């Protein structure tokens, strides 16, 4: 019997140690069960509308991603699905890359390992889609990279899913562009040819996102002016 099998919704509060993070897609807690440390993602405190129409679907998809990437070094392990509102996974003792300044002495080996991790994740049929937020990349002991928060991720579709596969390719390019931006920020020296190409390229999804942001800002300014 695994130690986490005893955890359920009724006794969950007794195992919580601290809050790791809070976000729109749920809260992350550090928990301790019989001395074993893990992390918990929970959306139970979100409103019913979000949980029923978005949250549970996103949580279920994230669990599928962890199952798809099981055994891949650099990805937290999924320990237990508590219910439709929460799951327990491996706690990674690391520092978010967002906490480092661009002059931080992070060795090149970290970025080489991060490159390898992202490409192996893609080989396993998963794109992260949100690596532009450097908080989703952890720097663990020995400068080992870990990827966390797969709430926006996507799994490669089947052969007869051309739209899904096209979207997968778009988001895999976005992952690699995020990697190029990270290297350009932290690794001193001229970027290589692949990074130069990635930094200049803007695919359909990126252009669509920028258009949406421009329209949103336009109407937001008008709304603010009217008030």
Protein backbone atom coordinates (compact mmCIF):
# COMPACT_ATOMS: atom_id res chain seq x y z
CA UNK A 1 0.00 0.00 0.00
CA UNK A 2 1.37 3.41 -0.98
CA UNK A 3 1.53 5.97 1.82
CA UNK A 4 -0.65 8.40 -0.16
CA UNK A 5 -3.52 5.91 -0.47
CA UNK A 6 -4.74 7.00 2.97
CA UNK A 7 -5.29 10.59 1.80
CA UNK A 8 -8.80 11.56 0.73
CA UNK A 9 -10.98 14.66 0.69
CA UNK A 10 -12.17 14.09 4.28
CA UNK A 11 -8.72 14.12 5.90
CA UNK A 12 -6.83 16.24 3.38
CA UNK A 13 -6.52 19.33 5.59
CA UNK A 14 -4.58 17.42 8.25
CA UNK A 15 -1.71 16.78 5.84
CA UNK A 16 -1.25 20.33 4.51
CA UNK A 17 2.03 21.98 5.54
CA UNK A 18 2.12 25.22 3.56
CA UNK A 19 0.89 26.98 0.43
CA UNK A 20 3.38 26.81 -2.44
CA UNK A 21 1.40 28.86 -4.93
CA UNK A 22 -2.02 30.23 -5.77
CA UNK A 23 -3.38 30.71 -9.27
CA UNK A 24 -6.44 30.81 -11.48
CA UNK A 25 -6.20 27.08 -12.17
CA UNK A 26 -5.90 26.01 -8.54
CA UNK A 27 -3.82 26.19 -5.39
CA UNK A 28 -0.61 24.22 -4.82
CA UNK A 29 0.15 22.94 -1.32
CA UNK A 30 3.09 21.19 0.25
CA UNK A 31 1.84 18.17 2.19
CA UNK A 32 3.43 15.62 4.50
CA UNK A 33 2.06 12.09 4.89
CA UNK A 34 3.86 9.89 7.43
CA UNK A 35 7.00 11.95 6.89
CA UNK A 36 6.87 11.75 3.11
CA UNK A 37 6.69 15.12 1.34
CA UNK A 38 4.57 15.70 -1.76
CA UNK A 39 2.63 18.46 -3.52
CA UNK A 40 -1.11 18.84 -3.92
CA UNK A 41 -3.01 20.70 -6.63
CA UNK A 42 -6.53 21.54 -5.52
CA UNK A 43 -9.41 23.49 -7.10
CA UNK A 44 -12.00 22.69 -4.41
CA UNK A 45 -12.08 26.31 -3.23
CA UNK A 46 -12.86 27.66 -6.68
CA UNK A 47 -16.45 28.61 -7.49
CA UNK A 48 -18.82 25.97 -8.85
CA UNK A 49 -19.04 27.51 -12.31
CA UNK A 50 -15.27 27.32 -12.84
CA UNK A 51 -14.95 23.84 -11.36
CA UNK A 52 -17.74 22.28 -13.42
CA UNK A 53 -17.13 24.00 -16.76
CA UNK A 54 -13.34 24.45 -16.81
CA UNK A 55 -11.41 23.37 -13.74
CA UNK A 56 -12.17 19.66 -13.66
CA UNK A 57 -11.53 19.27 -17.37
CA UNK A 58 -8.17 21.06 -17.07
CA UNK A 59 -7.23 19.02 -14.01
CA UNK A 60 -8.12 15.76 -15.75
CA UNK A 61 -6.03 16.72 -18.78
CA UNK A 62 -3.08 17.63 -16.56
CA UNK A 63 -3.24 14.21 -14.89
CA UNK A 64 -3.20 12.57 -18.33
CA UNK A 65 -0.07 14.56 -19.18
CA UNK A 66 1.72 13.32 -16.05
CA UNK A 67 0.71 9.76 -16.94
CA UNK A 68 1.94 10.26 -20.51
CA UNK A 69 5.31 11.51 -19.24
CA UNK A 70 5.70 8.93 -16.47
CA UNK A 71 9.34 7.94 -16.07
CA UNK A 72 10.71 10.97 -17.90
CA UNK A 73 13.44 12.60 -15.81
CA UNK A 74 12.69 16.26 -15.16
CA UNK A 75 8.91 15.76 -14.87
CA UNK A 76 7.23 15.36 -11.44
CA UNK A 77 5.58 11.99 -10.83
CA UNK A 78 1.83 11.72 -10.34
CA UNK A 79 1.14 9.93 -7.04
CA UNK A 80 -2.63 9.91 -6.60
CA UNK A 81 -5.81 11.43 -8.01
CA UNK A 82 -7.87 12.30 -4.93
CA UNK A 83 -11.07 13.20 -6.77
CA UNK A 84 -12.19 15.42 -9.64
CA UNK A 85 -10.91 18.49 -7.75
CA UNK A 86 -7.39 17.51 -6.78
CA UNK A 87 -4.35 15.29 -7.20
CA UNK A 88 -1.08 14.57 -5.38
CA UNK A 89 2.24 14.68 -7.21
CA UNK A 90 5.97 14.76 -6.57
CA UNK A 91 7.31 17.76 -4.64
CA UNK A 92 10.36 19.24 -6.35
CA UNK A 93 12.77 21.12 -4.12
CA UNK A 94 13.83 23.76 -6.59
CA UNK A 95 13.87 27.49 -7.33
CA UNK A 96 11.77 28.93 -10.18
CA UNK A 97 13.91 30.26 -13.01
CA UNK A 98 11.92 33.50 -12.71
CA UNK A 99 13.72 34.18 -9.41
CA UNK A 100 17.12 34.45 -11.13
CA UNK A 101 18.47 37.69 -12.57
CA UNK A 102 19.85 37.64 -16.11
CA UNK A 103 23.36 37.91 -14.65
CA UNK A 104 22.91 34.86 -12.41
CA UNK A 105 25.81 32.38 -12.77
CA UNK A 106 23.70 29.48 -14.02
CA UNK A 107 26.01 27.02 -15.82
CA UNK A 108 25.51 26.25 -19.51
CA UNK A 109 24.93 22.60 -18.62
CA UNK A 110 21.54 23.57 -17.12
CA UNK A 111 20.31 25.06 -20.40
CA UNK A 112 21.63 22.10 -22.39
CA UNK A 113 19.69 19.78 -20.05
CA UNK A 114 16.59 21.98 -20.37
CA UNK A 115 16.85 21.80 -24.16
CA UNK A 116 17.09 18.01 -23.97
CA UNK A 117 14.16 17.79 -21.54
CA UNK A 118 11.83 19.88 -23.72
CA UNK A 119 12.68 17.86 -26.84
CA UNK A 120 12.20 14.54 -25.02
CA UNK A 121 8.85 15.81 -23.73
CA UNK A 122 7.86 16.56 -27.33
CA UNK A 123 9.04 13.08 -28.37
CA UNK A 124 6.63 11.70 -25.74
CA UNK A 125 3.75 13.55 -27.40
CA UNK A 126 3.33 16.50 -25.02
CA UNK A 127 3.80 20.25 -25.44
CA UNK A 128 3.90 22.49 -22.37
CA UNK A 129 2.65 25.70 -24.07
CA UNK A 130 3.48 28.00 -21.13
CA UNK A 131 7.27 28.03 -20.81
CA UNK A 132 7.33 31.78 -21.47
CA UNK A 133 6.47 32.00 -17.78
CA UNK A 134 9.83 31.08 -16.26
CA UNK A 135 8.18 30.17 -12.95
CA UNK A 136 7.17 26.90 -14.66
CA UNK A 137 10.84 25.90 -14.91
CA UNK A 138 12.52 24.86 -11.67
CA UNK A 139 16.26 24.82 -11.01
CA UNK A 140 16.85 21.91 -8.64
CA UNK A 141 19.96 20.71 -6.82
CA UNK A 142 22.91 20.21 -9.14
CA UNK A 143 21.28 22.56 -11.67
CA UNK A 144 18.84 19.92 -12.89
CA UNK A 145 15.80 21.37 -14.72
CA UNK A 146 12.22 20.39 -13.92
CA UNK A 147 9.05 21.43 -15.75
CA UNK A 148 5.91 22.06 -13.70
CA UNK A 149 2.34 23.31 -14.14
CA UNK A 150 0.95 21.52 -17.19
CA UNK A 151 -2.42 23.28 -17.01
CA UNK A 152 -2.01 24.74 -20.52
CA UNK A 153 -0.37 21.67 -22.04
CA UNK A 154 -1.52 19.58 -24.99
CA UNK A 155 -1.16 15.92 -25.94
CA UNK A 156 -0.47 14.90 -29.53
CA UNK A 157 -3.61 13.67 -31.28
CA UNK A 158 -4.04 10.57 -33.40
CA UNK A 159 -3.31 10.16 -37.10
CA UNK A 160 -6.85 11.19 -38.03
CA UNK A 161 -6.78 14.43 -36.06
CA UNK A 162 -5.19 16.93 -38.48
CA UNK A 163 -6.39 20.04 -36.61
CA UNK A 164 -5.10 18.74 -33.28
CA UNK A 165 -1.77 17.78 -34.82
CA UNK A 166 -1.45 21.19 -36.48
CA UNK A 167 -2.08 22.89 -33.12
CA UNK A 168 0.44 20.56 -31.49
CA UNK A 169 3.09 21.65 -34.01
CA UNK A 170 2.26 25.32 -33.40
CA UNK A 171 2.65 24.96 -29.64
CA UNK A 172 5.82 22.87 -29.92
CA UNK A 173 7.33 25.78 -31.87
CA UNK A 174 6.21 28.13 -29.08
CA UNK A 175 7.97 25.88 -26.52
CA UNK A 176 11.20 26.02 -28.51
CA UNK A 177 10.93 29.78 -28.97
CA UNK A 178 10.52 30.16 -25.20
CA UNK A 179 13.69 28.08 -24.78
CA UNK A 180 15.55 30.34 -27.23
CA UNK A 181 14.41 33.43 -25.31
CA UNK A 182 15.60 31.88 -22.04
CA UNK A 183 19.01 31.09 -23.51
CA UNK A 184 19.22 34.57 -25.01
CA UNK A 185 18.56 36.06 -21.56
CA UNK A 186 20.82 33.92 -19.41
CA UNK A 187 23.58 32.55 -21.66
CA UNK A 188 26.14 35.18 -22.53
CA UNK A 189 27.50 35.31 -26.05
CA UNK A 190 25.93 35.28 -29.49
CA UNK A 191 22.90 32.99 -29.99
CA UNK A 192 23.34 30.07 -32.38
CA UNK A 193 21.57 29.90 -35.75
CA UNK A 194 18.60 27.90 -34.43
CA UNK A 195 17.96 30.40 -31.62
CA UNK A 196 18.25 33.32 -34.04
CA UNK A 197 15.66 31.70 -36.31
CA UNK A 198 13.32 30.92 -33.41
CA UNK A 199 13.56 34.46 -32.04
CA UNK A 200 12.66 36.00 -35.40
CA UNK A 201 9.89 33.55 -36.29
CA UNK A 202 6.30 34.18 -35.23
CA UNK A 203 3.81 31.45 -36.08
CA UNK A 204 0.05 31.68 -36.53
CA UNK A 205 -0.81 31.10 -32.85
CA UNK A 206 1.59 33.83 -31.72
CA UNK A 207 0.24 36.32 -34.25
CA UNK A 208 -3.32 35.49 -33.20
CA UNK A 209 -2.40 35.94 -29.55
CA UNK A 210 -0.84 39.33 -30.21
CA UNK A 211 -3.92 40.44 -32.17
CA UNK A 212 -6.17 39.39 -29.29
CA UNK A 213 -4.00 41.29 -26.79
CA UNK A 214 -4.06 44.42 -28.96
CA UNK A 215 -7.86 44.34 -29.24
CA UNK A 216 -8.19 43.66 -25.51
CA UNK A 217 -5.95 46.61 -24.62
CA UNK A 218 -7.83 48.87 -27.03
CA UNK A 219 -11.21 48.14 -25.48
CA UNK A 220 -9.76 48.13 -21.96
CA UNK A 221 -8.47 51.67 -22.45
CA UNK A 222 -11.85 52.81 -23.80
CA UNK A 223 -13.63 51.18 -20.88
CA UNK A 224 -11.29 52.88 -18.42
CA UNK A 225 -11.77 56.25 -20.16
CA UNK A 226 -15.57 55.97 -19.98
CA UNK A 227 -15.42 55.31 -16.27
